[in-house]
All heavy atoms as atom14 arrays in JSON, in Angstrom:
{
  "sequence": "WLRNIRDVYRLHEGELDKIKDETQKYRRLVELNVLEQARNVIKTA",
  "atom14_mask": [
    [1, 1, 1, 1, 1, 1, 1, 1, 1, 1, 1, 1, 1, 1],
    [1, 1, 1, 1, 1, 1, 1, 1, 0, 0, 0, 0, 0, 0],
    [1, 1, 1, 1, 1, 1, 1, 1, 1, 1, 1, 0, 0, 0],
    [1, 1, 1, 1, 1, 1, 1, 1, 0, 0, 0, 0, 0, 0],
    [1, 1, 1, 1, 1, 1, 1, 1, 0, 0, 0, 0, 0, 0],
    [1, 1, 1, 1, 1, 1, 1, 1, 1, 1, 1, 0, 0, 0],
    [1, 1, 1, 1, 1, 1, 1, 1, 0, 0, 0, 0, 0, 0],
    [1, 1, 1, 1, 1, 1, 1, 0, 0, 0, 0, 0, 0, 0],
    [1, 1, 1, 1, 1, 1, 1, 1, 1, 1, 1, 1, 0, 0],
    [1, 1, 1, 1, 1, 1, 1, 1, 1, 1, 1, 0, 0, 0],
    [1, 1, 1, 1, 1, 1, 1, 1, 0, 0, 0, 0, 0, 0],
    [1, 1, 1, 1, 1, 1, 1, 1, 1, 1, 0, 0, 0, 0],
    [1, 1, 1, 1, 1, 1, 1, 1, 1, 0, 0, 0, 0, 0],
    [1, 1, 1, 1, 0, 0, 0, 0, 0, 0, 0, 0, 0, 0],
    [1, 1, 1, 1, 1, 1, 1, 1, 1, 0, 0, 0, 0, 0],
    [1, 1, 1, 1, 1, 1, 1, 1, 0, 0, 0, 0, 0, 0],
    [1, 1, 1, 1, 1, 1, 1, 1, 0, 0, 0, 0, 0, 0],
    [1, 1, 1, 1, 1, 1, 1, 1, 1, 0, 0, 0, 0, 0],
    [1, 1, 1, 1, 1, 1, 1, 1, 0, 0, 0, 0, 0, 0],
    [1, 1, 1, 1, 1, 1, 1, 1, 1, 0, 0, 0, 0, 0],
    [1, 1, 1, 1, 1, 1, 1, 1, 0, 0, 0, 0, 0, 0],
    [1, 1, 1, 1, 1, 1, 1, 1, 1, 0, 0, 0, 0, 0],
    [1, 1, 1, 1, 1, 1, 1, 0, 0, 0, 0, 0, 0, 0],
    [1, 1, 1, 1, 1, 1, 1, 1, 1, 0, 0, 0, 0, 0],
    [1, 1, 1, 1, 1, 1, 1, 1, 1, 0, 0, 0, 0, 0],
    [1, 1, 1, 1, 1, 1, 1, 1, 1, 1, 1, 1, 0, 0],
    [1, 1, 1, 1, 1, 1, 1, 1, 1, 1, 1, 0, 0, 0],
    [1, 1, 1, 1, 1, 1, 1, 1, 1, 1, 1, 0, 0, 0],
    [1, 1, 1, 1, 1, 1, 1, 1, 0, 0, 0, 0, 0, 0],
    [1, 1, 1, 1, 1, 1, 1, 0, 0, 0, 0, 0, 0, 0],
    [1, 1, 1, 1, 1, 1, 1, 1, 1, 0, 0, 0, 0, 0],
    [1, 1, 1, 1, 1, 1, 1, 1, 0, 0, 0, 0, 0, 0],
    [1, 1, 1, 1, 1, 1, 1, 1, 0, 0, 0, 0, 0, 0],
    [1, 1, 1, 1, 1, 1, 1, 0, 0, 0, 0, 0, 0, 0],
    [1, 1, 1, 1, 1, 1, 1, 1, 0, 0, 0, 0, 0, 0],
    [1, 1, 1, 1, 1, 1, 1, 1, 1, 0, 0, 0, 0, 0],
    [1, 1, 1, 1, 1, 1, 1, 1, 1, 0, 0, 0, 0, 0],
    [1, 1, 1, 1, 1, 0, 0, 0, 0, 0, 0, 0, 0, 0],
    [1, 1, 1, 1, 1, 1, 1, 1, 1, 1, 1, 0, 0, 0],
    [1, 1, 1, 1, 1, 1, 1, 1, 0, 0, 0, 0, 0, 0],
    [1, 1, 1, 1, 1, 1, 1, 0, 0, 0, 0, 0, 0, 0],
    [1, 1, 1, 1, 1, 1, 1, 1, 0, 0, 0, 0, 0, 0],
    [1, 1, 1, 1, 1, 1, 1, 1, 1, 0, 0, 0, 0, 0],
    [1, 1, 1, 1, 1, 1, 1, 0, 0, 0, 0, 0, 0, 0],
    [1, 1, 1, 1, 1, 0, 0, 0, 0, 0, 0, 0, 0, 0]
  ],
  "atom14_positions": [
    [[-23.05, 49.08, -23.9], [-24.44, 48.65, -23.7], [-25.28, 49.78, -23.13], [-26.36, 50.09, -23.62], [-24.48, 47.43, -22.78], [-25.83, 46.81, -22.67], [-26.71, 46.9, -21.64], [-26.48, 45.98, -23.66], [-27.87, 46.2, -21.9], [-27.75, 45.62, -23.13], [-26.12, 45.51, -24.91], [-28.64, 44.82, -23.83], [-27.01, 44.71, -25.61], [-28.25, 44.37, -25.07]],
    [[-24.74, 50.44, -22.1], [-25.47, 51.52, -21.46], [-25.57, 52.75, -22.35], [-26.44, 53.61, -22.14], [-24.8, 51.89, -20.13], [-24.78, 50.8, -19.06], [-24.03, 51.27, -17.83], [-26.2, 50.37, -18.69], [0.0, 0.0, 0.0], [0.0, 0.0, 0.0], [0.0, 0.0, 0.0], [0.0, 0.0, 0.0], [0.0, 0.0, 0.0], [0.0, 0.0, 0.0]],
    [[-24.7, 52.83, -23.32], [-24.77, 53.96, -24.25], [-26.13, 54.01, -24.95], [-26.62, 55.08, -25.3], [-23.66, 53.86, -25.28], [-23.7, 54.98, -26.32], [-22.59, 54.86, -27.33], [-22.87, 55.65, -28.51], [-22.07, 55.75, -29.55], [-20.93, 55.08, -29.57], [-22.4, 56.49, -30.58], [0.0, 0.0, 0.0], [0.0, 0.0, 0.0], [0.0, 0.0, 0.0]],
    [[-26.75, 52.86, -25.15], [-28.08, 52.83, -25.76], [-29.09, 53.62, -24.93], [-29.97, 54.29, -25.49], [-28.55, 51.37, -25.91], [-27.75, 50.59, -26.93], [-27.9, 50.78, -28.12], [-26.88, 49.72, -26.45], [0.0, 0.0, 0.0], [0.0, 0.0, 0.0], [0.0, 0.0, 0.0], [0.0, 0.0, 0.0], [0.0, 0.0, 0.0], [0.0, 0.0, 0.0]],
    [[-28.95, 53.54, -23.61], [-29.85, 54.29, -22.74], [-29.48, 55.77, -22.76], [-30.36, 56.64, -22.75], [-29.79, 53.75, -21.29], [-30.07, 52.24, -21.29], [-30.79, 54.48, -20.41], [-29.85, 51.58, -19.95], [0.0, 0.0, 0.0], [0.0, 0.0, 0.0], [0.0, 0.0, 0.0], [0.0, 0.0, 0.0], [0.0, 0.0, 0.0], [0.0, 0.0, 0.0]],
    [[-28.2, 56.05, -22.8], [-27.76, 57.45, -22.88], [-28.22, 58.08, -24.18], [-28.54, 59.28, -24.23], [-26.24, 57.51, -22.74], [-25.77, 57.16, -21.33], [-24.28, 56.98, -21.22], [-23.91, 56.69, -19.83], [-22.9, 55.9, -19.47], [-22.15, 55.33, -20.4], [-22.64, 55.69, -18.21], [0.0, 0.0, 0.0], [0.0, 0.0, 0.0], [0.0, 0.0, 0.0]],
    [[-28.28, 57.29, -25.24], [-28.81, 57.79, -26.51], [-30.3, 58.13, -26.38], [-30.78, 59.07, -27.02], [-28.6, 56.77, -27.62], [-27.15, 56.7, -28.09], [-26.39, 57.65, -27.78], [-26.78, 55.71, -28.73], [0.0, 0.0, 0.0], [0.0, 0.0, 0.0], [0.0, 0.0, 0.0], [0.0, 0.0, 0.0], [0.0, 0.0, 0.0], [0.0, 0.0, 0.0]],
    [[-31.02, 57.34, -25.59], [-32.43, 57.65, -25.33], [-32.54, 59.0, -24.63], [-33.39, 59.82, -24.97], [-33.09, 56.54, -24.49], [-34.51, 56.96, -24.07], [-33.15, 55.23, -25.26], [0.0, 0.0, 0.0], [0.0, 0.0, 0.0], [0.0, 0.0, 0.0], [0.0, 0.0, 0.0], [0.0, 0.0, 0.0], [0.0, 0.0, 0.0], [0.0, 0.0, 0.0]],
    [[-31.65, 59.23, -23.66], [-31.63, 60.52, -22.97], [-31.36, 61.65, -23.96], [-32.03, 62.69, -23.95], [-30.56, 60.53, -21.87], [-30.7, 61.68, -20.88], [-31.0, 61.44, -19.55], [-30.54, 63.0, -21.29], [-31.16, 62.48, -18.65], [-30.68, 64.04, -20.4], [-30.99, 63.79, -19.08], [-31.13, 64.83, -18.21], [0.0, 0.0, 0.0], [0.0, 0.0, 0.0]],
    [[-30.4, 61.43, -24.86], [-30.07, 62.46, -25.85], [-31.28, 62.78, -26.73], [-31.54, 63.95, -27.03], [-28.9, 61.98, -26.71], [-28.54, 62.92, -27.85], [-27.35, 62.4, -28.63], [-27.57, 61.06, -29.12], [-28.28, 60.76, -30.21], [-28.86, 61.72, -30.91], [-28.42, 59.52, -30.6], [0.0, 0.0, 0.0], [0.0, 0.0, 0.0], [0.0, 0.0, 0.0]],
    [[-32.02, 61.75, -27.12], [-33.19, 61.96, -27.98], [-34.28, 62.75, -27.27], [-35.06, 63.47, -27.91], [-33.76, 60.61, -28.43], [-32.93, 59.82, -29.45], [-33.5, 58.43, -29.64], [-32.87, 60.56, -30.79], [0.0, 0.0, 0.0], [0.0, 0.0, 0.0], [0.0, 0.0, 0.0], [0.0, 0.0, 0.0], [0.0, 0.0, 0.0], [0.0, 0.0, 0.0]],
    [[-34.35, 62.61, -25.96], [-35.42, 63.24, -25.18], [-34.85, 64.22, -24.15], [-35.46, 64.47, -23.11], [-36.26, 62.17, -24.47], [-36.9, 61.2, -25.42], [-38.09, 61.46, -26.05], [-36.49, 59.97, -25.86], [-38.4, 60.43, -26.84], [-37.45, 59.52, -26.74], [0.0, 0.0, 0.0], [0.0, 0.0, 0.0], [0.0, 0.0, 0.0], [0.0, 0.0, 0.0]],
    [[-33.71, 64.77, -24.46], [-33.01, 65.66, -23.52], [-33.85, 66.85, -23.11], [-33.89, 67.24, -21.94], [-31.7, 66.13, -24.16], [-30.8, 66.93, -23.22], [-29.47, 67.26, -23.89], [-29.3, 66.94, -25.09], [-28.61, 67.83, -23.21], [0.0, 0.0, 0.0], [0.0, 0.0, 0.0], [0.0, 0.0, 0.0], [0.0, 0.0, 0.0], [0.0, 0.0, 0.0]],
    [[-34.54, 67.44, -24.07], [-35.36, 68.61, -23.77], [-36.42, 68.32, -22.72], [-36.59, 69.08, -21.76], [0.0, 0.0, 0.0], [0.0, 0.0, 0.0], [0.0, 0.0, 0.0], [0.0, 0.0, 0.0], [0.0, 0.0, 0.0], [0.0, 0.0, 0.0], [0.0, 0.0, 0.0], [0.0, 0.0, 0.0], [0.0, 0.0, 0.0], [0.0, 0.0, 0.0]],
    [[-37.13, 67.21, -22.88], [-38.17, 66.84, -21.91], [-37.57, 66.49, -20.55], [-38.05, 66.96, -19.51], [-38.98, 65.65, -22.43], [-40.01, 65.13, -21.44], [-40.69, 63.85, -21.88], [-40.55, 63.47, -23.07], [-41.38, 63.23, -21.04], [0.0, 0.0, 0.0], [0.0, 0.0, 0.0], [0.0, 0.0, 0.0], [0.0, 0.0, 0.0], [0.0, 0.0, 0.0]],
    [[-36.52, 65.69, -20.56], [-35.94, 65.21, -19.3], [-35.3, 66.33, -18.49], [-35.38, 66.35, -17.26], [-34.93, 64.1, -19.58], [-35.53, 62.78, -20.07], [-34.45, 61.86, -20.63], [-36.29, 62.08, -18.94], [0.0, 0.0, 0.0], [0.0, 0.0, 0.0], [0.0, 0.0, 0.0], [0.0, 0.0, 0.0], [0.0, 0.0, 0.0], [0.0, 0.0, 0.0]],
    [[-34.64, 67.27, -19.17], [-33.97, 68.35, -18.45], [-34.94, 69.31, -17.79], [-34.57, 70.07, -16.89], [-33.06, 69.12, -19.4], [-31.78, 68.36, -19.73], [-31.53, 67.32, -19.07], [-31.03, 68.78, -20.63], [0.0, 0.0, 0.0], [0.0, 0.0, 0.0], [0.0, 0.0, 0.0], [0.0, 0.0, 0.0], [0.0, 0.0, 0.0], [0.0, 0.0, 0.0]],
    [[-36.19, 69.28, -18.22], [-37.21, 70.13, -17.59], [-37.71, 69.53, -16.27], [-38.35, 70.21, -15.49], [-38.38, 70.32, -18.54], [-38.06, 71.18, -19.76], [-39.27, 71.29, -20.68], [-38.94, 72.08, -21.94], [-40.09, 72.14, -22.87], [0.0, 0.0, 0.0], [0.0, 0.0, 0.0], [0.0, 0.0, 0.0], [0.0, 0.0, 0.0], [0.0, 0.0, 0.0]],
    [[-37.42, 68.25, -16.05], [-37.88, 67.59, -14.82], [-36.83, 67.82, -13.73], [-35.71, 67.29, -13.8], [-38.08, 66.08, -15.06], [-39.07, 65.86, -16.2], [-38.57, 65.39, -13.78], [-39.24, 64.4, -16.6], [0.0, 0.0, 0.0], [0.0, 0.0, 0.0], [0.0, 0.0, 0.0], [0.0, 0.0, 0.0], [0.0, 0.0, 0.0], [0.0, 0.0, 0.0]],
    [[-37.16, 68.58, -12.73], [-36.2, 68.95, -11.69], [-36.04, 67.87, -10.63], [-34.96, 67.69, -10.07], [-36.63, 70.27, -11.02], [-36.74, 71.43, -11.99], [-35.46, 71.63, -12.78], [-35.59, 72.77, -13.78], [-34.36, 72.93, -14.61], [0.0, 0.0, 0.0], [0.0, 0.0, 0.0], [0.0, 0.0, 0.0], [0.0, 0.0, 0.0], [0.0, 0.0, 0.0]],
    [[-37.11, 67.14, -10.37], [-37.03, 66.07, -9.37], [-36.29, 64.88, -9.97], [-36.72, 64.32, -10.98], [-38.45, 65.65, -8.95], [-38.43, 64.6, -7.86], [-38.36, 63.39, -8.2], [-38.48, 64.97, -6.69], [0.0, 0.0, 0.0], [0.0, 0.0, 0.0], [0.0, 0.0, 0.0], [0.0, 0.0, 0.0], [0.0, 0.0, 0.0], [0.0, 0.0, 0.0]],
    [[-35.18, 64.49, -9.35], [-34.33, 63.44, -9.92], [-35.03, 62.09, -9.97], [-34.84, 61.32, -10.9], [-33.03, 63.32, -9.09], [-32.09, 64.5, -9.26], [-31.66, 64.69, -10.71], [-31.35, 63.69, -11.4], [-31.66, 65.86, -11.17], [0.0, 0.0, 0.0], [0.0, 0.0, 0.0], [0.0, 0.0, 0.0], [0.0, 0.0, 0.0], [0.0, 0.0, 0.0]],
    [[-35.86, 61.81, -8.97], [-36.59, 60.54, -8.97], [-37.57, 60.48, -10.13], [-37.67, 59.46, -10.83], [-37.35, 60.34, -7.65], [-36.4, 60.32, -6.57], [-38.12, 59.03, -7.65], [0.0, 0.0, 0.0], [0.0, 0.0, 0.0], [0.0, 0.0, 0.0], [0.0, 0.0, 0.0], [0.0, 0.0, 0.0], [0.0, 0.0, 0.0], [0.0, 0.0, 0.0]],
    [[-38.28, 61.57, -10.35], [-39.24, 61.61, -11.46], [-38.53, 61.58, -12.81], [-39.02, 60.97, -13.77], [-40.1, 62.87, -11.34], [-41.06, 62.87, -10.16], [-41.95, 61.63, -10.13], [-42.54, 61.25, -11.15], [-42.07, 61.0, -8.97], [0.0, 0.0, 0.0], [0.0, 0.0, 0.0], [0.0, 0.0, 0.0], [0.0, 0.0, 0.0], [0.0, 0.0, 0.0]],
    [[-37.38, 62.22, -12.89], [-36.6, 62.18, -14.13], [-36.15, 60.76, -14.43], [-36.22, 60.29, -15.58], [-35.38, 63.1, -14.02], [-34.5, 63.11, -15.27], [-33.24, 63.95, -15.07], [-33.59, 65.41, -14.93], [-32.36, 66.27, -14.91], [0.0, 0.0, 0.0], [0.0, 0.0, 0.0], [0.0, 0.0, 0.0], [0.0, 0.0, 0.0], [0.0, 0.0, 0.0]],
    [[-35.71, 60.07, -13.4], [-35.26, 58.69, -13.52], [-36.41, 57.79, -13.97], [-36.27, 56.97, -14.89], [-34.7, 58.26, -12.16], [-34.38, 56.81, -11.95], [-33.91, 56.0, -12.98], [-34.53, 56.25, -10.68], [-33.6, 54.67, -12.75], [-34.23, 54.92, -10.45], [-33.76, 54.14, -11.49], [-33.47, 52.82, -11.26], [0.0, 0.0, 0.0], [0.0, 0.0, 0.0]],
    [[-37.57, 57.96, -13.36], [-38.74, 57.16, -13.74], [-39.15, 57.44, -15.19], [-39.53, 56.54, -15.94], [-39.91, 57.45, -12.79], [-39.73, 56.85, -11.4], [-40.8, 57.34, -10.44], [-42.12, 56.87, -10.81], [-42.66, 55.71, -10.38], [-41.97, 54.91, -9.59], [-43.89, 55.36, -10.74], [0.0, 0.0, 0.0], [0.0, 0.0, 0.0], [0.0, 0.0, 0.0]],
    [[-39.09, 58.72, -15.58], [-39.48, 59.06, -16.95], [-38.49, 58.47, -17.96], [-38.89, 58.02, -19.04], [-39.55, 60.58, -17.1], [-40.01, 61.03, -18.49], [-41.33, 60.4, -18.89], [-41.76, 60.83, -20.22], [-42.63, 60.17, -20.97], [-43.19, 59.04, -20.53], [-42.98, 60.6, -22.16], [0.0, 0.0, 0.0], [0.0, 0.0, 0.0], [0.0, 0.0, 0.0]],
    [[-37.21, 58.44, -17.61], [-36.22, 57.84, -18.51], [-36.47, 56.34, -18.66], [-36.3, 55.79, -19.75], [-34.79, 58.09, -18.0], [-33.66, 57.52, -18.87], [-33.75, 58.05, -20.3], [-32.3, 57.86, -18.26], [0.0, 0.0, 0.0], [0.0, 0.0, 0.0], [0.0, 0.0, 0.0], [0.0, 0.0, 0.0], [0.0, 0.0, 0.0], [0.0, 0.0, 0.0]],
    [[-36.89, 55.69, -17.58], [-37.26, 54.28, -17.66], [-38.37, 54.1, -18.69], [-38.31, 53.22, -19.56], [-37.72, 53.76, -16.28], [-38.42, 52.41, -16.42], [-36.53, 53.64, -15.33], [0.0, 0.0, 0.0], [0.0, 0.0, 0.0], [0.0, 0.0, 0.0], [0.0, 0.0, 0.0], [0.0, 0.0, 0.0], [0.0, 0.0, 0.0], [0.0, 0.0, 0.0]],
    [[-39.38, 54.96, -18.64], [-40.51, 54.87, -19.57], [-40.08, 55.17, -21.01], [-40.46, 54.44, -21.95], [-41.61, 55.85, -19.14], [-42.22, 55.53, -17.79], [-43.14, 56.62, -17.29], [-43.18, 57.71, -17.89], [-43.82, 56.39, -16.26], [0.0, 0.0, 0.0], [0.0, 0.0, 0.0], [0.0, 0.0, 0.0], [0.0, 0.0, 0.0], [0.0, 0.0, 0.0]],
    [[-39.29, 56.21, -21.18], [-38.84, 56.58, -22.53], [-37.95, 55.5, -23.13], [-38.01, 55.24, -24.34], [-38.09, 57.91, -22.48], [-38.95, 59.14, -22.18], [-38.07, 60.36, -21.93], [-39.93, 59.42, -23.32], [0.0, 0.0, 0.0], [0.0, 0.0, 0.0], [0.0, 0.0, 0.0], [0.0, 0.0, 0.0], [0.0, 0.0, 0.0], [0.0, 0.0, 0.0]],
    [[-37.16, 54.86, -22.29], [-36.31, 53.77, -22.77], [-37.17, 52.61, -23.28], [-36.91, 52.04, -24.35], [-35.38, 53.29, -21.66], [-34.5, 52.15, -22.11], [-33.8, 52.24, -23.13], [-34.52, 51.05, -21.37], [0.0, 0.0, 0.0], [0.0, 0.0, 0.0], [0.0, 0.0, 0.0], [0.0, 0.0, 0.0], [0.0, 0.0, 0.0], [0.0, 0.0, 0.0]],
    [[-38.22, 52.28, -22.55], [-39.13, 51.2, -22.98], [-39.77, 51.57, -24.32], [-39.83, 50.75, -25.24], [-40.22, 50.95, -21.92], [-41.27, 49.98, -22.46], [-39.6, 50.39, -20.64], [0.0, 0.0, 0.0], [0.0, 0.0, 0.0], [0.0, 0.0, 0.0], [0.0, 0.0, 0.0], [0.0, 0.0, 0.0], [0.0, 0.0, 0.0], [0.0, 0.0, 0.0]],
    [[-40.23, 52.81, -24.45], [-40.88, 53.24, -25.68], [-39.91, 53.19, -26.87], [-40.29, 52.76, -27.97], [-41.43, 54.65, -25.51], [-42.65, 54.77, -24.58], [-42.89, 56.23, -24.21], [-43.89, 54.19, -25.27], [0.0, 0.0, 0.0], [0.0, 0.0, 0.0], [0.0, 0.0, 0.0], [0.0, 0.0, 0.0], [0.0, 0.0, 0.0], [0.0, 0.0, 0.0]],
    [[-38.66, 53.59, -26.65], [-37.69, 53.57, -27.74], [-37.32, 52.13, -28.13], [-37.14, 51.83, -29.31], [-36.43, 54.34, -27.34], [-36.59, 55.84, -27.32], [-36.99, 56.42, -28.67], [-36.6, 55.86, -29.72], [-37.69, 57.45, -28.69], [0.0, 0.0, 0.0], [0.0, 0.0, 0.0], [0.0, 0.0, 0.0], [0.0, 0.0, 0.0], [0.0, 0.0, 0.0]],
    [[-37.23, 51.25, -27.15], [-36.92, 49.85, -27.48], [-38.09, 49.19, -28.21], [-37.89, 48.37, -29.11], [-36.57, 49.07, -26.21], [-35.43, 49.66, -25.39], [-34.24, 50.11, -26.22], [-33.78, 49.39, -27.1], [-33.75, 51.32, -25.94], [0.0, 0.0, 0.0], [0.0, 0.0, 0.0], [0.0, 0.0, 0.0], [0.0, 0.0, 0.0], [0.0, 0.0, 0.0]],
    [[-39.3, 49.58, -27.85], [-40.47, 49.07, -28.57], [-40.45, 49.56, -30.02], [-40.78, 48.82, -30.95], [-41.76, 49.52, -27.88], [0.0, 0.0, 0.0], [0.0, 0.0, 0.0], [0.0, 0.0, 0.0], [0.0, 0.0, 0.0], [0.0, 0.0, 0.0], [0.0, 0.0, 0.0], [0.0, 0.0, 0.0], [0.0, 0.0, 0.0], [0.0, 0.0, 0.0]],
    [[-40.04, 50.8, -30.22], [-39.9, 51.32, -31.59], [-38.84, 50.54, -32.36], [-38.98, 50.29, -33.57], [-39.55, 52.81, -31.56], [-40.69, 53.71, -31.08], [-40.36, 55.18, -31.26], [-41.45, 56.01, -30.76], [-41.47, 56.6, -29.57], [-40.43, 56.46, -28.76], [-42.49, 57.33, -29.18], [0.0, 0.0, 0.0], [0.0, 0.0, 0.0], [0.0, 0.0, 0.0]],
    [[-37.77, 50.17, -31.67], [-36.74, 49.36, -32.33], [-37.3, 48.02, -32.8], [-36.9, 47.51, -33.85], [-35.57, 49.14, -31.37], [-34.72, 50.38, -31.18], [-34.82, 51.33, -31.95], [-33.89, 50.38, -30.15], [0.0, 0.0, 0.0], [0.0, 0.0, 0.0], [0.0, 0.0, 0.0], [0.0, 0.0, 0.0], [0.0, 0.0, 0.0], [0.0, 0.0, 0.0]],
    [[-38.21, 47.46, -32.01], [-38.85, 46.2, -32.42], [-39.68, 46.43, -33.68], [-39.64, 45.64, -34.63], [-39.74, 45.65, -31.29], [-40.53, 44.43, -31.78], [-38.9, 45.28, -30.07], [0.0, 0.0, 0.0], [0.0, 0.0, 0.0], [0.0, 0.0, 0.0], [0.0, 0.0, 0.0], [0.0, 0.0, 0.0], [0.0, 0.0, 0.0], [0.0, 0.0, 0.0]],
    [[-40.41, 47.54, -33.71], [-41.28, 47.84, -34.86], [-40.45, 48.07, -36.12], [-40.9, 47.77, -37.23], [-42.15, 49.08, -34.54], [-43.09, 48.77, -33.37], [-42.97, 49.51, -35.77], [-43.85, 49.99, -32.86], [0.0, 0.0, 0.0], [0.0, 0.0, 0.0], [0.0, 0.0, 0.0], [0.0, 0.0, 0.0], [0.0, 0.0, 0.0], [0.0, 0.0, 0.0]],
    [[-39.25, 48.54, -35.98], [-38.39, 48.8, -37.13], [-37.89, 47.53, -37.81], [-37.42, 47.59, -38.94], [-37.17, 49.64, -36.71], [-37.51, 51.05, -36.25], [-36.27, 51.72, -35.65], [-36.61, 53.05, -35.01], [-35.42, 53.63, -34.33], [0.0, 0.0, 0.0], [0.0, 0.0, 0.0], [0.0, 0.0, 0.0], [0.0, 0.0, 0.0], [0.0, 0.0, 0.0]],
    [[-37.96, 46.4, -37.15], [-37.4, 45.17, -37.7], [-38.21, 44.68, -38.89], [-39.44, 44.8, -38.93], [-37.32, 44.06, -36.64], [-38.64, 43.76, -36.17], [-36.45, 44.47, -35.47], [0.0, 0.0, 0.0], [0.0, 0.0, 0.0], [0.0, 0.0, 0.0], [0.0, 0.0, 0.0], [0.0, 0.0, 0.0], [0.0, 0.0, 0.0], [0.0, 0.0, 0.0]],
    [[-37.52, 44.07, -39.83], [-38.17, 43.57, -41.04], [-39.18, 42.48, -40.73], [-40.29, 42.47, -41.29], [-37.1, 43.04, -42.01], [0.0, 0.0, 0.0], [0.0, 0.0, 0.0], [0.0, 0.0, 0.0], [0.0, 0.0, 0.0], [0.0, 0.0, 0.0], [0.0, 0.0, 0.0], [0.0, 0.0, 0.0], [0.0, 0.0, 0.0], [0.0, 0.0, 0.0]]
  ]
}
């Protein structure tokens, strides 16, 4: 289940790895995860 979130990290690894502050990186991953799940909704027939 959590692999889905790790896949989001993989998709946005370049952006996330540039964020040095761990709290900000964590918050940004929360946002990116929401955006990717919303895209998954849009992909549905």
